[in-house]
Amino acid sequence: MPLLNRKGFTLVELMMALLLFSMAATAIVETFSLHQRTVGAQAERIALQQNLRAGLAVLPAELRALNAAEGDIVKMSATSITIRALRQLAVLCQVPVLGGASVTLTVRQTPFYGTQFDNTRDGIYVFYDGDESLRSDDAWVSGRLTSAPVNTAKCSDGKPAYSFTTSLSLGALPALTGRIQSGAPVWGYRQTTYGVFQQADGRWYVGMKDSSAALTPVVGPLVGSNGLRFTYYDANGLVTADSSRVARIGVAILSQTATPVRQGSVSAATYQVDSLSTYTTLRNNPRW
């Protein structure tokens, strides 16, 4: 067939084909973009919820071990709390000699839970059994480490031990050798602060610091300076400002996504906000 007699597409047909193709391509791109926005928004919401759950896993676990009557709450406010956070658990393997200004404690290397004792930052609680036939004189006595632990010490049975000196505060308890026995538990604590702080990027976070360390973010970003709230209750369920009378602490975290999220076909992206709250009963207090 001669070339001039062959049939082809008219200009109108080509323009219609291009129009239909562009419409289909636009629909596909918009559908893909909507899918990407939905996936991104869902990922941000999941991260937000995981962030909140992590915060309410860490804080109640720390607060639950406190005894307010023993001074475990050092300082408290609506957006910050400084506590004696438990960091070690050890077991005495020699009977310490009491009565002097300095008391040497020897604890087993195994079992030993937590980080190693740090004489520059850590304090301790030691169980004082007193008269074995009585429960009324049992107590926890506190102290500060006055020397770095020595890891070449030996228990009374020859097993490896850590040894360090402390300044124990017995108060009115008799300083009689044998009242703190071998096998008594030793808790180590470190002064730790949880509170709201603003980073250099202008965002607000729940921060944590111990001793002289700077605040580091634990949970966030928050909605603002009021994204973390503590409420303190006494044994009667009334709000209290007396740190020695706290029996229960309410914790509420109001957080937002790390980046703005577009919802569906909405053109403007906004931060998504979610919150979680809980109540924690402190040690040696009745359950609520």
C-alpha atoms as a PDB file:
ATOM      1  CA  MET A   1       0.000   0.000   0.000  1.00  0.00           C
ATOM      2  CA  PRO A   2       1.375   3.421  -0.903  1.00  0.00           C
ATOM      3  CA  LEU A   3       2.474   5.456   2.078  1.00  0.00           C
ATOM      4  CA  LEU A   4       0.102   8.292   1.250  1.00  0.00           C
ATOM      5  CA  ASN A   5      -2.897   5.939   1.402  1.00  0.00           C
ATOM      6  CA  ARG A   6      -2.116   4.548   4.901  1.00  0.00           C
ATOM      7  CA  LYS A   7      -4.545   5.622   7.684  1.00  0.00           C
ATOM      8  CA  GLY A   8      -3.188   7.162  10.953  1.00  0.00           C
ATOM      9  CA  PHE A   9      -4.376   9.135  13.965  1.00  0.00           C
ATOM     10  CA  THR A  10      -5.864  12.522  13.591  1.00  0.00           C
ATOM     11  CA  LEU A  11      -4.661  15.454  15.682  1.00  0.00           C
ATOM     12  CA  VAL A  12      -7.933  15.429  17.612  1.00  0.00           C
ATOM     13  CA  GLU A  13      -7.528  11.744  18.425  1.00  0.00           C
ATOM     14  CA  LEU A  14      -3.959  12.323  19.646  1.00  0.00           C
ATOM     15  CA  MET A  15      -5.073  15.230  21.824  1.00  0.00           C
ATOM     16  CA  MET A  16      -7.895  13.118  23.299  1.00  0.00           C
ATOM     17  CA  ALA A  17      -5.468  10.256  23.994  1.00  0.00           C
ATOM     18  CA  LEU A  18      -3.023  12.608  25.698  1.00  0.00           C
ATOM     19  CA  LEU A  19      -5.845  14.111  27.773  1.00  0.00           C
ATOM     20  CA  LEU A  20      -7.043  10.692  28.914  1.00  0.00           C
ATOM     21  CA  PHE A  21      -3.484   9.615  29.702  1.00  0.00           C
ATOM     22  CA  SER A  22      -2.822  12.772  31.732  1.00  0.00           C
ATOM     23  CA  MET A  23      -6.067  12.302  33.663  1.00  0.00           C
ATOM     24  CA  ALA A  24      -5.179   8.703  34.463  1.00  0.00           C
ATOM     25  CA  ALA A  25      -1.614   9.640  35.420  1.00  0.00           C
ATOM     26  CA  THR A  26      -2.896  12.441  37.668  1.00  0.00           C
ATOM     27  CA  ALA A  27      -5.293  10.064  39.418  1.00  0.00           C
ATOM     28  CA  ILE A  28      -2.517   7.512  39.934  1.00  0.00           C
ATOM     29  CA  VAL A  29      -0.127  10.141  41.334  1.00  0.00           C
ATOM     30  CA  GLU A  30      -2.797  11.573  43.644  1.00  0.00           C
ATOM     31  CA  THR A  31      -3.693   8.075  44.870  1.00  0.00           C
ATOM     32  CA  PHE A  32      -0.022   7.284  45.479  1.00  0.00           C
ATOM     33  CA  SER A  33       0.509  10.590  47.278  1.00  0.00           C
ATOM     34  CA  LEU A  34      -2.556   9.995  49.440  1.00  0.00           C
ATOM     35  CA  HIS A  35      -1.266   6.516  50.260  1.00  0.00           C
ATOM     36  CA  GLN A  36       2.162   7.909  51.168  1.00  0.00           C
ATOM     37  CA  ARG A  37       0.602  10.582  53.391  1.00  0.00           C
ATOM     38  CA  THR A  38      -1.598   7.968  55.093  1.00  0.00           C
ATOM     39  CA  VAL A  39       1.353   5.660  55.714  1.00  0.00           C
ATOM     40  CA  GLY A  40       3.482   8.552  56.967  1.00  0.00           C
ATOM     41  CA  ALA A  41       0.714   9.813  59.245  1.00  0.00           C
ATOM     42  CA  GLN A  42       0.144   6.326  60.629  1.00  0.00           C
ATOM     43  CA  ALA A  43       3.871   5.876  61.270  1.00  0.00           C
ATOM     44  CA  GLU A  44       3.991   9.209  63.132  1.00  0.00           C
ATOM     45  CA  ARG A  45       0.971   8.253  65.250  1.00  0.00           C
ATOM     46  CA  ILE A  46       2.498   4.868  66.076  1.00  0.00           C
ATOM     47  CA  ALA A  47       5.759   6.542  67.076  1.00  0.00           C
ATOM     48  CA  LEU A  48       3.785   9.020  69.199  1.00  0.00           C
ATOM     49  CA  GLN A  49       1.913   6.257  71.024  1.00  0.00           C
ATOM     50  CA  GLN A  50       5.087   4.198  71.546  1.00  0.00           C
ATOM     51  CA  ASN A  51       6.765   7.302  72.930  1.00  0.00           C
ATOM     52  CA  LEU A  52       3.947   7.826  75.429  1.00  0.00           C
ATOM     53  CA  ARG A  53       3.936   4.184  76.499  1.00  0.00           C
ATOM     54  CA  ALA A  54       7.697   4.293  77.025  1.00  0.00           C
ATOM     55  CA  GLY A  55       7.336   7.352  79.235  1.00  0.00           C
ATOM     56  CA  LEU A  56       4.641   5.723  81.342  1.00  0.00           C
ATOM     57  CA  ALA A  57       6.755   2.589  81.634  1.00  0.00           C
ATOM     58  CA  VAL A  58       9.839   4.424  82.929  1.00  0.00           C
ATOM     59  CA  LEU A  59       8.337   6.966  85.335  1.00  0.00           C
ATOM     60  CA  PRO A  60       5.963   4.704  87.325  1.00  0.00           C
ATOM     61  CA  ALA A  61       8.714   2.085  87.696  1.00  0.00           C
ATOM     62  CA  GLU A  62      10.991   4.710  89.244  1.00  0.00           C
ATOM     63  CA  LEU A  63       8.296   6.237  91.451  1.00  0.00           C
ATOM     64  CA  ARG A  64       6.882   2.928  92.690  1.00  0.00           C
ATOM     65  CA  ALA A  65      10.113   2.138  94.578  1.00  0.00           C
ATOM     66  CA  LEU A  66      10.059   5.390  96.600  1.00  0.00           C
ATOM     67  CA  ASN A  67       9.249   5.769 100.277  1.00  0.00           C
ATOM     68  CA  ALA A  68       8.338   9.387 100.895  1.00  0.00           C
ATOM     69  CA  ALA A  69       8.551   9.069 104.677  1.00  0.00           C
ATOM     70  CA  GLU A  70      12.238   8.115 104.348  1.00  0.00           C
ATOM     71  CA  GLY A  71      13.068  11.181 102.249  1.00  0.00           C
ATOM     72  CA  ASP A  72      13.168   9.495  98.843  1.00  0.00           C
ATOM     73  CA  ILE A  73      11.460  12.533  97.285  1.00  0.00           C
ATOM     74  CA  VAL A  74      14.137  15.222  97.411  1.00  0.00           C
ATOM     75  CA  LYS A  75      12.224  17.929  95.523  1.00  0.00           C
ATOM     76  CA  MET A  76       8.906  18.044  93.708  1.00  0.00           C
ATOM     77  CA  SER A  77       6.816  20.375  91.578  1.00  0.00           C
ATOM     78  CA  ALA A  78       4.042  20.115  88.999  1.00  0.00           C
ATOM     79  CA  THR A  79       6.530  19.621  86.144  1.00  0.00           C
ATOM     80  CA  SER A  80       9.582  18.116  87.844  1.00  0.00           C
ATOM     81  CA  ILE A  81      10.567  15.614  90.528  1.00  0.00           C
ATOM     82  CA  THR A  82      13.956  14.804  92.072  1.00  0.00           C
ATOM     83  CA  ILE A  83      14.177  11.396  93.727  1.00  0.00           C
ATOM     84  CA  ARG A  84      16.524   8.832  95.161  1.00  0.00           C
ATOM     85  CA  ALA A  85      16.288   6.345  92.306  1.00  0.00           C
ATOM     86  CA  LEU A  86      17.305   2.761  93.102  1.00  0.00           C
ATOM     87  CA  ARG A  87      20.197   1.665  90.904  1.00  0.00           C
ATOM     88  CA  GLN A  88      21.868  -1.314  92.656  1.00  0.00           C
ATOM     89  CA  LEU A  89      20.994  -4.341  94.752  1.00  0.00           C
ATOM     90  CA  ALA A  90      23.693  -6.262  96.603  1.00  0.00           C
ATOM     91  CA  VAL A  91      23.943  -8.714  99.508  1.00  0.00           C
ATOM     92  CA  LEU A  92      26.233  -8.355 102.526  1.00  0.00           C
ATOM     93  CA  CYS A  93      28.573 -11.304 102.987  1.00  0.00           C
ATOM     94  CA  GLN A  94      30.331 -10.171 106.186  1.00  0.00           C
ATOM     95  CA  VAL A  95      28.967  -8.760 109.427  1.00  0.00           C
ATOM     96  CA  PRO A  96      29.982  -5.052 109.476  1.00  0.00           C
ATOM     97  CA  VAL A  97      31.541  -3.591 112.615  1.00  0.00           C
ATOM     98  CA  LEU A  98      29.290  -0.802 113.903  1.00  0.00           C
ATOM     99  CA  GLY A  99      30.053   2.002 116.314  1.00  0.00           C
ATOM    100  CA  GLY A 100      32.637   3.997 114.382  1.00  0.00           C
ATOM    101  CA  ALA A 101      32.295   7.058 112.163  1.00  0.00           C
ATOM    102  CA  SER A 102      33.085   4.902 109.127  1.00  0.00           C
ATOM    103  CA  VAL A 103      31.599   1.460 108.467  1.00  0.00           C
ATOM    104  CA  THR A 104      33.103  -1.003 105.984  1.00  0.00           C
ATOM    105  CA  LEU A 105      30.571  -2.985 103.979  1.00  0.00           C
ATOM    106  CA  THR A 106      31.473  -6.128 102.037  1.00  0.00           C
ATOM    107  CA  VAL A 107      28.977  -7.364  99.438  1.00  0.00           C
ATOM    108  CA  ARG A 108      29.006 -10.333  97.117  1.00  0.00           C
ATOM    109  CA  GLN A 109      30.081  -9.849  93.518  1.00  0.00           C
ATOM    110  CA  THR A 110      27.515 -12.504  92.568  1.00  0.00           C
ATOM    111  CA  PRO A 111      24.616 -11.918  92.710  1.00  0.00           C
ATOM    112  CA  PHE A 112      24.905  -8.180  92.124  1.00  0.00           C
ATOM    113  CA  TYR A 113      22.276  -6.225  90.209  1.00  0.00           C
ATOM    114  CA  GLY A 114      22.616  -2.864  88.502  1.00  0.00           C
ATOM    115  CA  THR A 115      25.550  -0.598  87.796  1.00  0.00           C
ATOM    116  CA  GLN A 116      28.674  -0.634  89.962  1.00  0.00           C
ATOM    117  CA  PHE A 117      28.624   1.593  93.053  1.00  0.00           C
ATOM    118  CA  ASP A 118      29.998   5.079  92.426  1.00  0.00           C
ATOM    119  CA  ASN A 119      31.305   6.798  95.567  1.00  0.00           C
ATOM    120  CA  THR A 120      30.979  10.230  93.915  1.00  0.00           C
ATOM    121  CA  ARG A 121      27.250   9.892  93.202  1.00  0.00           C
ATOM    122  CA  ASP A 122      25.619   6.993  95.034  1.00  0.00           C
ATOM    123  CA  GLY A 123      24.043   6.540  98.424  1.00  0.00           C
ATOM    124  CA  ILE A 124      22.883   3.300 100.045  1.00  0.00           C
ATOM    125  CA  TYR A 125      20.213   1.745 102.244  1.00  0.00           C
ATOM    126  CA  VAL A 126      21.181  -1.224 104.444  1.00  0.00           C
ATOM    127  CA  PHE A 127      18.679  -3.438 106.227  1.00  0.00           C
ATOM    128  CA  TYR A 128      19.013  -3.196 110.023  1.00  0.00           C
ATOM    129  CA  ASP A 129      17.516  -6.340 111.552  1.00  0.00           C
ATOM    130  CA  GLY A 130      18.105  -5.468 115.204  1.00  0.00           C
ATOM    131  CA  ASP A 131      16.765  -8.087 117.579  1.00  0.00           C
ATOM    132  CA  GLU A 132      15.981 -11.179 115.487  1.00  0.00           C
ATOM    133  CA  SER A 133      13.043 -12.064 117.744  1.00  0.00           C
ATOM    134  CA  LEU A 134      11.326  -8.715 117.080  1.00  0.00           C
ATOM    135  CA  ARG A 135       9.963  -6.988 113.997  1.00  0.00           C
ATOM    136  CA  SER A 136       9.403  -3.623 115.663  1.00  0.00           C
ATOM    137  CA  ASP A 137      13.077  -2.620 115.464  1.00  0.00           C
ATOM    138  CA  ASP A 138      13.625  -3.543 111.799  1.00  0.00           C
ATOM    139  CA  ALA A 139      14.637  -0.547 109.684  1.00  0.00           C
ATOM    140  CA  TRP A 140      16.541   0.666 106.644  1.00  0.00           C
ATOM    141  CA  VAL A 141      19.521   2.829 107.524  1.00  0.00           C
ATOM    142  CA  SER A 142      20.946   5.198 104.953  1.00  0.00           C
ATOM    143  CA  GLY A 143      24.479   6.256 104.215  1.00  0.00           C
ATOM    144  CA  ARG A 144      26.903   7.663 101.675  1.00  0.00           C
ATOM    145  CA  LEU A 145      29.835   5.888 100.094  1.00  0.00           C
ATOM    146  CA  THR A 146      33.109   7.387 101.328  1.00  0.00           C
ATOM    147  CA  SER A 147      35.460   5.245  99.239  1.00  0.00           C
ATOM    148  CA  ALA A 148      35.491   3.615  95.825  1.00  0.00           C
ATOM    149  CA  PRO A 149      34.598  -0.110  95.841  1.00  0.00           C
ATOM    150  CA  VAL A 150      37.529  -2.524  95.953  1.00  0.00           C
ATOM    151  CA  ASN A 151      36.926  -5.598  93.791  1.00  0.00           C
ATOM    152  CA  THR A 152      39.622  -7.779  95.398  1.00  0.00           C
ATOM    153  CA  ALA A 153      37.812  -8.264  98.698  1.00  0.00           C
ATOM    154  CA  LYS A 154      36.622 -11.640  99.961  1.00  0.00           C
ATOM    155  CA  CYS A 155      33.422 -12.735 101.684  1.00  0.00           C
ATOM    156  CA  SER A 156      33.564 -14.650 104.953  1.00  0.00           C
ATOM    157  CA  ASP A 157      33.166 -17.845 102.904  1.00  0.00           C
ATOM    158  CA  GLY A 158      36.034 -16.870 100.574  1.00  0.00           C
ATOM    159  CA  LYS A 159      33.818 -15.857  97.606  1.00  0.00           C
ATOM    160  CA  PRO A 160      34.704 -12.706  95.569  1.00  0.00           C
ATOM    161  CA  ALA A 161      33.324  -9.473  97.036  1.00  0.00           C
ATOM    162  CA  TYR A 162      33.288  -5.689  96.709  1.00  0.00           C
ATOM    163  CA  SER A 163      34.341  -3.701  99.770  1.00  0.00           C
ATOM    164  CA  PHE A 164      33.792   0.006 100.472  1.00  0.00           C
ATOM    165  CA  THR A 165      33.474   2.380 103.410  1.00  0.00           C
ATOM    166  CA  THR A 166      30.298   4.269 104.263  1.00  0.00           C
ATOM    167  CA  SER A 167      28.952   6.808 106.730  1.00  0.00           C
ATOM    168  CA  LEU A 168      25.786   5.141 108.013  1.00  0.00           C
ATOM    169  CA  SER A 169      23.100   7.184 109.772  1.00  0.00           C
ATOM    170  CA  LEU A 170      21.714   4.903 112.485  1.00  0.00           C
ATOM    171  CA  GLY A 171      19.825   7.665 114.277  1.00  0.00           C
ATOM    172  CA  ALA A 172      18.403   6.308 117.546  1.00  0.00           C
ATOM    173  CA  LEU A 173      19.162   2.675 116.622  1.00  0.00           C
ATOM    174  CA  PRO A 174      21.846   0.993 118.770  1.00  0.00           C
ATOM    175  CA  ALA A 175      25.213   0.839 116.975  1.00  0.00           C
ATOM    176  CA  LEU A 176      25.830  -2.761 118.050  1.00  0.00           C
ATOM    177  CA  THR A 177      27.782  -5.133 115.827  1.00  0.00           C
ATOM    178  CA  GLY A 178      25.508  -7.967 114.733  1.00  0.00           C
ATOM    179  CA  ARG A 179      22.387  -5.816 114.349  1.00  0.00           C
ATOM    180  CA  ILE A 180      23.222  -5.602 110.622  1.00  0.00           C
ATOM    181  CA  GLN A 181      23.784  -9.193 109.622  1.00  0.00           C
ATOM    182  CA  SER A 182      25.543 -11.048 106.843  1.00  0.00           C
ATOM    183  CA  GLY A 183      22.967 -11.669 104.117  1.00  0.00           C
ATOM    184  CA  ALA A 184      21.272  -8.305 104.629  1.00  0.00           C
ATOM    185  CA  PRO A 185      20.244  -6.553 101.383  1.00  0.00           C
ATOM    186  CA  VAL A 186      21.957  -3.336 100.332  1.00  0.00           C
ATOM    187  CA  TRP A 187      20.145  -0.938  97.991  1.00  0.00           C
ATOM    188  CA  GLY A 188      22.131   1.673  96.100  1.00  0.00           C
ATOM    189  CA  TYR A 189      20.447   4.872  94.968  1.00  0.00           C
ATOM    190  CA  ARG A 190      21.405   7.841  92.821  1.00  0.00           C
ATOM    191  CA  GLN A 191      19.764  11.278  92.989  1.00  0.00           C
ATOM    192  CA  THR A 192      17.830  11.579  89.741  1.00  0.00           C
ATOM    193  CA  THR A 193      15.627  14.308  88.286  1.00  0.00           C
ATOM    194  CA  TYR A 194      12.795  13.943  85.772  1.00  0.00           C
ATOM    195  CA  GLY A 195      11.303  17.143  84.387  1.00  0.00           C
ATOM    196  CA  VAL A 196      10.258  19.229  81.412  1.00  0.00           C
ATOM    197  CA  PHE A 197      12.997  21.045  79.526  1.00  0.00           C
ATOM    198  CA  GLN A 198      13.400  22.858  76.212  1.00  0.00           C
ATOM    199  CA  GLN A 199      16.132  21.814  73.799  1.00  0.00           C
ATOM    200  CA  ALA A 200      18.038  24.088  71.452  1.00  0.00           C
ATOM    201  CA  ASP A 201      15.561  23.284  68.651  1.00  0.00           C
ATOM    202  CA  GLY A 202      12.789  24.937  70.686  1.00  0.00           C
ATOM    203  CA  ARG A 203      10.928  21.658  71.305  1.00  0.00           C
ATOM    204  CA  TRP A 204       9.933  20.489  74.789  1.00  0.00           C
ATOM    205  CA  TYR A 205      10.838  17.070  76.195  1.00  0.00           C
ATOM    206  CA  VAL A 206      10.714  14.981  79.351  1.00  0.00           C
ATOM    207  CA  GLY A 207      14.345  14.985  80.451  1.00  0.00           C
ATOM    208  CA  MET A 208      16.309  12.899  82.919  1.00  0.00           C
ATOM    209  CA  LYS A 209      19.543  13.660  84.740  1.00  0.00           C
ATOM    210  CA  ASP A 210      21.388  12.068  87.625  1.00  0.00           C
ATOM    211  CA  SER A 211      23.785  13.843  89.953  1.00  0.00           C
ATOM    212  CA  SER A 212      25.708  16.479  87.977  1.00  0.00           C
ATOM    213  CA  ALA A 213      24.765  15.275  84.487  1.00  0.00           C
ATOM    214  CA  ALA A 214      22.759  17.531  82.159  1.00  0.00           C
ATOM    215  CA  LEU A 215      19.150  16.781  81.270  1.00  0.00           C
ATOM    216  CA  THR A 216      18.821  14.394  78.345  1.00  0.00           C
ATOM    217  CA  PRO A 217      15.537  13.743  76.499  1.00  0.00           C
ATOM    218  CA  VAL A 218      13.621  10.610  77.445  1.00  0.00           C
ATOM    219  CA  VAL A 219      10.150  11.283  76.043  1.00  0.00           C
ATOM    220  CA  GLY A 220       8.989  13.792  73.477  1.00  0.00           C
ATOM    221  CA  PRO A 221       8.468  16.092  71.821  1.00  0.00           C
ATOM    222  CA  LEU A 222       5.766  17.399  74.126  1.00  0.00           C
ATOM    223  CA  VAL A 223       3.057  19.934  73.307  1.00  0.00           C
ATOM    224  CA  GLY A 224       4.866  22.552  75.393  1.00  0.00           C
ATOM    225  CA  SER A 225       6.088  23.369  78.865  1.00  0.00           C
ATOM    226  CA  ASN A 226       2.930  21.793  80.333  1.00  0.00           C
ATOM    227  CA  GLY A 227       3.386  18.471  78.513  1.00  0.00           C
ATOM    228  CA  LEU A 228       4.356  16.697  81.748  1.00  0.00           C
ATOM    229  CA  ARG A 229       2.289  17.025  84.915  1.00  0.00           C
ATOM    230  CA  PHE A 230       2.800  15.483  88.355  1.00  0.00           C
ATOM    231  CA  THR A 231       0.056  15.492  90.997  1.00  0.00           C
ATOM    232  CA  TYR A 232       0.871  14.409  94.547  1.00  0.00           C
ATOM    233  CA  TYR A 233      -1.634  12.815  96.954  1.00  0.00           C
ATOM    234  CA  ASP A 234      -1.410  11.850 100.611  1.00  0.00           C
ATOM    235  CA  ALA A 235      -2.763   8.650 102.182  1.00  0.00           C
ATOM    236  CA  ASN A 236      -6.252  10.193 102.343  1.00  0.00           C
ATOM    237  CA  GLY A 237      -6.288  10.912  98.616  1.00  0.00           C
ATOM    238  CA  LEU A 238      -5.887  14.664  99.072  1.00  0.00           C
ATOM    239  CA  VAL A 239      -3.445  16.755  97.056  1.00  0.00           C
ATOM    240  CA  THR A 240      -0.380  17.563  99.160  1.00  0.00           C
ATOM    241  CA  ALA A 241       2.702  19.767  98.873  1.00  0.00           C
ATOM    242  CA  ASP A 242       4.502  17.927 101.697  1.00  0.00           C
ATOM    243  CA  SER A 243       7.028  15.553 100.088  1.00  0.00           C
ATOM    244  CA  SER A 244       7.193  13.379 103.223  1.00  0.00           C
ATOM    245  CA  ARG A 245       3.437  12.674 103.092  1.00  0.00           C
ATOM    246  CA  VAL A 246       3.140  11.620  99.449  1.00  0.00           C
ATOM    247  CA  ALA A 247       1.456   8.219  99.073  1.00  0.00           C
ATOM    248  CA  ARG A 248       0.428   8.336  95.433  1.00  0.00           C
ATOM    249  CA  ILE A 249       1.614  10.271  92.383  1.00  0.00           C
ATOM    250  CA  GLY A 250      -0.387  11.016  89.253  1.00  0.00           C
ATOM    251  CA  VAL A 251       1.603  11.306  86.021  1.00  0.00           C
ATOM    252  CA  ALA A 252       0.219  12.770  82.784  1.00  0.00           C
ATOM    253  CA  ILE A 253       2.136  13.165  79.520  1.00  0.00           C
ATOM    254  CA  LEU A 254       0.780  15.193  76.595  1.00  0.00           C
ATOM    255  CA  SER A 255       2.941  14.598  73.533  1.00  0.00           C
ATOM    256  CA  GLN A 256       2.844  15.373  69.822  1.00  0.00           C
ATOM    257  CA  THR A 257       4.265  13.928  66.625  1.00  0.00           C
ATOM    258  CA  ALA A 258       7.840  14.761  65.662  1.00  0.00           C
ATOM    259  CA  THR A 259       6.710  16.330  62.372  1.00  0.00           C
ATOM    260  CA  PRO A 260       3.420  17.847  61.096  1.00  0.00           C
ATOM    261  CA  VAL A 261       1.040  15.299  59.600  1.00  0.00           C
ATOM    262  CA  ARG A 262      -1.437  15.760  56.729  1.00  0.00           C
ATOM    263  CA  GLN A 263      -4.721  13.968  57.319  1.00  0.00           C
ATOM    264  CA  GLY A 264      -6.200  12.428  54.159  1.00  0.00           C
ATOM    265  CA  SER A 265      -6.986  15.073  51.540  1.00  0.00           C
ATOM    266  CA  VAL A 266      -6.518  17.981  53.958  1.00  0.00           C
ATOM    267  CA  SER A 267      -3.870  20.272  52.496  1.00  0.00           C
ATOM    268  CA  ALA A 268      -2.576  21.779  55.760  1.00  0.00           C
ATOM    269  CA  ALA A 269      -0.230  19.630  57.863  1.00  0.00           C
ATOM    270  CA  THR A 270      -0.603  19.833  61.655  1.00  0.00           C
ATOM    271  CA  TYR A 271       1.008  18.173  64.680  1.00  0.00           C
ATOM    272  CA  GLN A 272      -1.028  15.251  65.998  1.00  0.00           C
ATOM    273  CA  VAL A 273      -1.460  15.182  69.773  1.00  0.00           C
ATOM    274  CA  ASP A 274      -2.090  12.293  72.159  1.00  0.00           C
ATOM    275  CA  SER A 275      -1.860  11.786  75.915  1.00  0.00           C
ATOM    276  CA  LEU A 276      -1.613   9.099  78.580  1.00  0.00           C
ATOM    277  CA  SER A 277      -1.959   9.306  82.343  1.00  0.00           C
ATOM    278  CA  THR A 278      -1.590   6.945  85.271  1.00  0.00           C
ATOM    279  CA  TYR A 279      -1.365   6.828  89.073  1.00  0.00           C
ATOM    280  CA  THR A 280       1.451   5.160  90.984  1.00  0.00           C
ATOM    281  CA  THR A 281       1.289   4.122  94.630  1.00  0.00           C
ATOM    282  CA  LEU A 282       4.586   4.492  96.455  1.00  0.00           C
ATOM    283  CA  ARG A 283       6.318   1.779  98.442  1.00  0.00           C
ATOM    284  CA  ASN A 284       4.928   1.018 101.925  1.00  0.00           C
ATOM    285  CA  ASN A 285       1.542   2.552 101.108  1.00  0.00           C
ATOM    286  CA  PRO A 286      -1.800   0.812 100.593  1.00  0.00           C
ATOM    287  CA  ARG A 287      -3.003   0.029  97.096  1.00  0.00           C
ATOM    288  CA  TRP A 288      -5.631   2.266  95.550  1.00  0.00           C
END
